[in-house]
Amino acid sequence: MNNFLSREMINFLSDEIGLDESSIELGLKLSKKNNIPLPISLWSYGLLTIKELDKLYSFLFQKME
């Protein structure tokens, strides 16, 4: 994933989903530690609901087109 898309994803998580900075930072650390994508990390640790995860993936797929 390129840096622009990563920055957009973080902005989306903050602005649209409403995650605070510390939750995003925790998700980033856990995703690196466990070698899994950030959205899955946030969801698996209960920081995103399944509905929010779906909204995030919809956003990401739109950006990839």
PDB file of N, CA and C in Angstrom:
ATOM      1  N   MET A   1       0.852  -1.170   0.000  1.00  0.00           N
ATOM      2  CA  MET A   1       0.000   0.000   0.000  1.00  0.00           C
ATOM      3  C   MET A   1       0.896   1.230   0.000  1.00  0.00           C
ATOM      4  N   ASN A   2       0.580   2.176  -0.858  1.00  0.00           N
ATOM      5  CA  ASN A   2       1.445   3.354  -0.908  1.00  0.00           C
ATOM      6  C   ASN A   2       1.148   4.310   0.245  1.00  0.00           C
ATOM      7  N   ASN A   3       2.075   5.237   0.458  1.00  0.00           N
ATOM      8  CA  ASN A   3       1.957   6.154   1.605  1.00  0.00           C
ATOM      9  C   ASN A   3       0.734   7.054   1.520  1.00  0.00           C
ATOM     10  N   PHE A   4       0.367   7.470   0.293  1.00  0.00           N
ATOM     11  CA  PHE A   4      -0.796   8.331   0.131  1.00  0.00           C
ATOM     12  C   PHE A   4      -2.057   7.603   0.590  1.00  0.00           C
ATOM     13  N   LEU A   5      -2.210   6.363   0.157  1.00  0.00           N
ATOM     14  CA  LEU A   5      -3.382   5.593   0.547  1.00  0.00           C
ATOM     15  C   LEU A   5      -3.367   5.307   2.047  1.00  0.00           C
ATOM     16  N   SER A   6      -2.205   5.051   2.601  1.00  0.00           N
ATOM     17  CA  SER A   6      -2.096   4.823   4.045  1.00  0.00           C
ATOM     18  C   SER A   6      -2.529   6.059   4.815  1.00  0.00           C
ATOM     19  N   ARG A   7      -2.087   7.215   4.376  1.00  0.00           N
ATOM     20  CA  ARG A   7      -2.463   8.471   5.048  1.00  0.00           C
ATOM     21  C   ARG A   7      -3.966   8.704   4.922  1.00  0.00           C
ATOM     22  N   GLU A   8      -4.507   8.426   3.732  1.00  0.00           N
ATOM     23  CA  GLU A   8      -5.952   8.582   3.539  1.00  0.00           C
ATOM     24  C   GLU A   8      -6.739   7.630   4.427  1.00  0.00           C
ATOM     25  N   MET A   9      -6.238   6.406   4.584  1.00  0.00           N
ATOM     26  CA  MET A   9      -6.912   5.429   5.441  1.00  0.00           C
ATOM     27  C   MET A   9      -6.908   5.917   6.888  1.00  0.00           C
ATOM     28  N   ILE A  10      -5.802   6.423   7.348  1.00  0.00           N
ATOM     29  CA  ILE A  10      -5.712   6.921   8.721  1.00  0.00           C
ATOM     30  C   ILE A  10      -6.640   8.118   8.912  1.00  0.00           C
ATOM     31  N   ASN A  11      -6.682   9.013   7.932  1.00  0.00           N
ATOM     32  CA  ASN A  11      -7.615  10.140   8.006  1.00  0.00           C
ATOM     33  C   ASN A  11      -9.062   9.659   8.042  1.00  0.00           C
ATOM     34  N   PHE A  12      -9.382   8.648   7.230  1.00  0.00           N
ATOM     35  CA  PHE A  12     -10.731   8.096   7.212  1.00  0.00           C
ATOM     36  C   PHE A  12     -11.082   7.488   8.577  1.00  0.00           C
ATOM     37  N   LEU A  13     -10.154   6.737   9.130  1.00  0.00           N
ATOM     38  CA  LEU A  13     -10.396   6.132  10.448  1.00  0.00           C
ATOM     39  C   LEU A  13     -10.671   7.192  11.506  1.00  0.00           C
ATOM     40  N   SER A  14      -9.952   8.283  11.424  1.00  0.00           N
ATOM     41  CA  SER A  14     -10.116   9.361  12.394  1.00  0.00           C
ATOM     42  C   SER A  14     -11.384  10.172  12.121  1.00  0.00           C
ATOM     43  N   ASP A  15     -11.550  10.623  10.886  1.00  0.00           N
ATOM     44  CA  ASP A  15     -12.631  11.555  10.550  1.00  0.00           C
ATOM     45  C   ASP A  15     -13.989  10.886  10.373  1.00  0.00           C
ATOM     46  N   GLU A  16     -14.032   9.753   9.684  1.00  0.00           N
ATOM     47  CA  GLU A  16     -15.305   9.109   9.361  1.00  0.00           C
ATOM     48  C   GLU A  16     -15.729   8.061  10.389  1.00  0.00           C
ATOM     49  N   ILE A  17     -14.775   7.299  10.879  1.00  0.00           N
ATOM     50  CA  ILE A  17     -15.089   6.242  11.846  1.00  0.00           C
ATOM     51  C   ILE A  17     -15.073   6.791  13.270  1.00  0.00           C
ATOM     52  N   GLY A  18     -14.208   7.778  13.520  1.00  0.00           N
ATOM     53  CA  GLY A  18     -14.157   8.398  14.833  1.00  0.00           C
ATOM     54  C   GLY A  18     -13.168   7.774  15.798  1.00  0.00           C
ATOM     55  N   LEU A  19     -12.205   7.015  15.257  1.00  0.00           N
ATOM     56  CA  LEU A  19     -11.178   6.444  16.142  1.00  0.00           C
ATOM     57  C   LEU A  19     -10.230   7.536  16.605  1.00  0.00           C
ATOM     58  N   ASP A  20      -9.826   7.471  17.855  1.00  0.00           N
ATOM     59  CA  ASP A  20      -8.856   8.450  18.330  1.00  0.00           C
ATOM     60  C   ASP A  20      -7.445   8.019  17.930  1.00  0.00           C
ATOM     61  N   GLU A  21      -6.530   8.946  18.031  1.00  0.00           N
ATOM     62  CA  GLU A  21      -5.150   8.727  17.593  1.00  0.00           C
ATOM     63  C   GLU A  21      -4.494   7.557  18.310  1.00  0.00           C
ATOM     64  N   SER A  22      -4.757   7.421  19.598  1.00  0.00           N
ATOM     65  CA  SER A  22      -4.122   6.331  20.354  1.00  0.00           C
ATOM     66  C   SER A  22      -4.612   4.958  19.880  1.00  0.00           C
ATOM     67  N   SER A  23      -5.871   4.845  19.499  1.00  0.00           N
ATOM     68  CA  SER A  23      -6.395   3.581  18.979  1.00  0.00           C
ATOM     69  C   SER A  23      -5.759   3.239  17.634  1.00  0.00           C
ATOM     70  N   ILE A  24      -5.589   4.243  16.796  1.00  0.00           N
ATOM     71  CA  ILE A  24      -4.953   4.030  15.496  1.00  0.00           C
ATOM     72  C   ILE A  24      -3.500   3.615  15.688  1.00  0.00           C
ATOM     73  N   GLU A  25      -2.803   4.290  16.600  1.00  0.00           N
ATOM     74  CA  GLU A  25      -1.406   3.935  16.879  1.00  0.00           C
ATOM     75  C   GLU A  25      -1.283   2.508  17.409  1.00  0.00           C
ATOM     76  N   LEU A  26      -2.189   2.128  18.303  1.00  0.00           N
ATOM     77  CA  LEU A  26      -2.188   0.760  18.827  1.00  0.00           C
ATOM     78  C   LEU A  26      -2.419  -0.230  17.684  1.00  0.00           C
ATOM     79  N   GLY A  27      -3.384   0.061  16.824  1.00  0.00           N
ATOM     80  CA  GLY A  27      -3.656  -0.801  15.675  1.00  0.00           C
ATOM     81  C   GLY A  27      -2.453  -0.937  14.765  1.00  0.00           C
ATOM     82  N   LEU A  28      -1.740   0.160  14.537  1.00  0.00           N
ATOM     83  CA  LEU A  28      -0.541   0.119  13.695  1.00  0.00           C
ATOM     84  C   LEU A  28       0.540  -0.764  14.324  1.00  0.00           C
ATOM     85  N   LYS A  29       0.749  -0.608  15.621  1.00  0.00           N
ATOM     86  CA  LYS A  29       1.757  -1.425  16.314  1.00  0.00           C
ATOM     87  C   LYS A  29       1.391  -2.905  16.267  1.00  0.00           C
ATOM     88  N   LEU A  30       0.119  -3.207  16.524  1.00  0.00           N
ATOM     89  CA  LEU A  30      -0.318  -4.599  16.523  1.00  0.00           C
ATOM     90  C   LEU A  30      -0.270  -5.211  15.131  1.00  0.00           C
ATOM     91  N   SER A  31      -0.587  -4.414  14.118  1.00  0.00           N
ATOM     92  CA  SER A  31      -0.546  -4.952  12.750  1.00  0.00           C
ATOM     93  C   SER A  31       0.886  -5.259  12.336  1.00  0.00           C
ATOM     94  N   LYS A  32       1.830  -4.426  12.750  1.00  0.00           N
ATOM     95  CA  LYS A  32       3.237  -4.700  12.448  1.00  0.00           C
ATOM     96  C   LYS A  32       3.725  -5.918  13.226  1.00  0.00           C
ATOM     97  N   LYS A  33       3.383  -5.975  14.503  1.00  0.00           N
ATOM     98  CA  LYS A  33       3.824  -7.080  15.358  1.00  0.00           C
ATOM     99  C   LYS A  33       3.296  -8.430  14.849  1.00  0.00           C
ATOM    100  N   ASN A  34       2.032  -8.453  14.456  1.00  0.00           N
ATOM    101  CA  ASN A  34       1.387  -9.693  14.027  1.00  0.00           C
ATOM    102  C   ASN A  34       1.419  -9.908  12.516  1.00  0.00           C
ATOM    103  N   ASN A  35       1.991  -8.944  11.792  1.00  0.00           N
ATOM    104  CA  ASN A  35       2.102  -9.022  10.332  1.00  0.00           C
ATOM    105  C   ASN A  35       0.740  -9.243   9.670  1.00  0.00           C
ATOM    106  N   ILE A  36      -0.224  -8.404  10.063  1.00  0.00           N
ATOM    107  CA  ILE A  36      -1.557  -8.451   9.471  1.00  0.00           C
ATOM    108  C   ILE A  36      -1.949  -7.044   9.051  1.00  0.00           C
ATOM    109  N   PRO A  37      -2.893  -6.915   8.110  1.00  0.00           N
ATOM    110  CA  PRO A  37      -3.324  -5.581   7.671  1.00  0.00           C
ATOM    111  C   PRO A  37      -3.949  -4.779   8.823  1.00  0.00           C
ATOM    112  N   LEU A  38      -3.764  -3.480   8.767  1.00  0.00           N
ATOM    113  CA  LEU A  38      -4.300  -2.598   9.812  1.00  0.00           C
ATOM    114  C   LEU A  38      -5.801  -2.789  10.031  1.00  0.00           C
ATOM    115  N   PRO A  39      -6.634  -2.832   8.985  1.00  0.00           N
ATOM    116  CA  PRO A  39      -8.074  -3.000   9.248  1.00  0.00           C
ATOM    117  C   PRO A  39      -8.391  -4.268  10.029  1.00  0.00           C
ATOM    118  N   ILE A  40      -7.722  -5.367   9.697  1.00  0.00           N
ATOM    119  CA  ILE A  40      -7.967  -6.627  10.398  1.00  0.00           C
ATOM    120  C   ILE A  40      -7.474  -6.539  11.840  1.00  0.00           C
ATOM    121  N   SER A  41      -6.355  -5.869  12.039  1.00  0.00           N
ATOM    122  CA  SER A  41      -5.835  -5.683  13.385  1.00  0.00           C
ATOM    123  C   SER A  41      -6.826  -4.896  14.244  1.00  0.00           C
ATOM    124  N   LEU A  42      -7.335  -3.804  13.703  1.00  0.00           N
ATOM    125  CA  LEU A  42      -8.291  -2.980  14.451  1.00  0.00           C
ATOM    126  C   LEU A  42      -9.555  -3.771  14.786  1.00  0.00           C
ATOM    127  N   TRP A  43     -10.034  -4.549  13.840  1.00  0.00           N
ATOM    128  CA  TRP A  43     -11.247  -5.331  14.050  1.00  0.00           C
ATOM    129  C   TRP A  43     -11.010  -6.472  15.048  1.00  0.00           C
ATOM    130  N   SER A  44      -9.907  -7.184  14.889  1.00  0.00           N
ATOM    131  CA  SER A  44      -9.683  -8.351  15.738  1.00  0.00           C
ATOM    132  C   SER A  44      -9.442  -7.979  17.206  1.00  0.00           C
ATOM    133  N   TYR A  45      -8.979  -6.767  17.443  1.00  0.00           N
ATOM    134  CA  TYR A  45      -8.775  -6.316  18.824  1.00  0.00           C
ATOM    135  C   TYR A  45      -9.944  -5.471  19.342  1.00  0.00           C
ATOM    136  N   GLY A  46     -11.046  -5.480  18.599  1.00  0.00           N
ATOM    137  CA  GLY A  46     -12.266  -4.822  19.060  1.00  0.00           C
ATOM    138  C   GLY A  46     -12.290  -3.319  18.922  1.00  0.00           C
ATOM    139  N   LEU A  47     -11.384  -2.765  18.119  1.00  0.00           N
ATOM    140  CA  LEU A  47     -11.360  -1.312  17.926  1.00  0.00           C
ATOM    141  C   LEU A  47     -12.284  -0.866  16.794  1.00  0.00           C
ATOM    142  N   LEU A  48     -12.698  -1.817  15.949  1.00  0.00           N
ATOM    143  CA  LEU A  48     -13.674  -1.563  14.889  1.00  0.00           C
ATOM    144  C   LEU A  48     -14.773  -2.614  14.976  1.00  0.00           C
ATOM    145  N   THR A  49     -15.998  -2.204  14.701  1.00  0.00           N
ATOM    146  CA  THR A  49     -17.082  -3.172  14.571  1.00  0.00           C
ATOM    147  C   THR A  49     -17.026  -3.754  13.160  1.00  0.00           C
ATOM    148  N   ILE A  50     -17.780  -4.806  12.929  1.00  0.00           N
ATOM    149  CA  ILE A  50     -17.812  -5.403  11.592  1.00  0.00           C
ATOM    150  C   ILE A  50     -18.403  -4.416  10.583  1.00  0.00           C
ATOM    151  N   LYS A  51     -19.341  -3.612  11.023  1.00  0.00           N
ATOM    152  CA  LYS A  51     -19.952  -2.594  10.157  1.00  0.00           C
ATOM    153  C   LYS A  51     -18.920  -1.515   9.783  1.00  0.00           C
ATOM    154  N   GLU A  52     -18.119  -1.089  10.758  1.00  0.00           N
ATOM    155  CA  GLU A  52     -17.068  -0.099  10.495  1.00  0.00           C
ATOM    156  C   GLU A  52     -15.978  -0.690   9.602  1.00  0.00           C
ATOM    157  N   LEU A  53     -15.664  -1.972   9.802  1.00  0.00           N
ATOM    158  CA  LEU A  53     -14.680  -2.640   8.950  1.00  0.00           C
ATOM    159  C   LEU A  53     -15.169  -2.678   7.505  1.00  0.00           C
ATOM    160  N   ASP A  54     -16.439  -2.982   7.313  1.00  0.00           N
ATOM    161  CA  ASP A  54     -17.027  -2.990   5.978  1.00  0.00           C
ATOM    162  C   ASP A  54     -16.966  -1.602   5.342  1.00  0.00           C
ATOM    163  N   LYS A  55     -17.265  -0.585   6.128  1.00  0.00           N
ATOM    164  CA  LYS A  55     -17.217   0.800   5.646  1.00  0.00           C
ATOM    165  C   LYS A  55     -15.787   1.183   5.238  1.00  0.00           C
ATOM    166  N   LEU A  56     -14.813   0.759   6.024  1.00  0.00           N
ATOM    167  CA  LEU A  56     -13.414   1.040   5.726  1.00  0.00           C
ATOM    168  C   LEU A  56     -12.987   0.336   4.446  1.00  0.00           C
ATOM    169  N   TYR A  57     -13.333  -0.953   4.300  1.00  0.00           N
ATOM    170  CA  TYR A  57     -12.956  -1.673   3.083  1.00  0.00           C
ATOM    171  C   TYR A  57     -13.655  -1.100   1.854  1.00  0.00           C
ATOM    172  N   SER A  58     -14.895  -0.655   1.985  1.00  0.00           N
ATOM    173  CA  SER A  58     -15.583   0.003   0.866  1.00  0.00           C
ATOM    174  C   SER A  58     -14.822   1.256   0.443  1.00  0.00           C
ATOM    175  N   PHE A  59     -14.393   2.030   1.422  1.00  0.00           N
ATOM    176  CA  PHE A  59     -13.601   3.226   1.155  1.00  0.00           C
ATOM    177  C   PHE A  59     -12.303   2.874   0.433  1.00  0.00           C
ATOM    178  N   LEU A  60     -11.600   1.853   0.933  1.00  0.00           N
ATOM    179  CA  LEU A  60     -10.319   1.471   0.335  1.00  0.00           C
ATOM    180  C   LEU A  60     -10.487   0.952  -1.090  1.00  0.00           C
ATOM    181  N   PHE A  61     -11.515   0.158  -1.336  1.00  0.00           N
ATOM    182  CA  PHE A  61     -11.731  -0.366  -2.677  1.00  0.00           C
ATOM    183  C   PHE A  61     -12.083   0.752  -3.658  1.00  0.00           C
ATOM    184  N   GLN A  62     -12.818   1.768  -3.201  1.00  0.00           N
ATOM    185  CA  GLN A  62     -13.119   2.924  -4.054  1.00  0.00           C
ATOM    186  C   GLN A  62     -11.854   3.661  -4.434  1.00  0.00           C
ATOM    187  N   LYS A  63     -10.933   3.790  -3.491  1.00  0.00           N
ATOM    188  CA  LYS A  63      -9.680   4.507  -3.741  1.00  0.00           C
ATOM    189  C   LYS A  63      -8.754   3.752  -4.686  1.00  0.00           C
ATOM    190  N   MET A  64      -8.901   2.441  -4.745  1.00  0.00           N
ATOM    191  CA  MET A  64      -8.023   1.637  -5.598  1.00  0.00           C
ATOM    192  C   MET A  64      -8.442   1.669  -7.065  1.00  0.00           C
ATOM    193  N   GLU A  65      -9.665   2.069  -7.334  1.00  0.00           N
ATOM    194  CA  GLU A  65     -10.174   2.071  -8.710  1.00  0.00           C
ATOM    195  C   GLU A  65      -9.544   3.156  -9.535  1.00  0.00           C
TER     196      GLU A  65
END
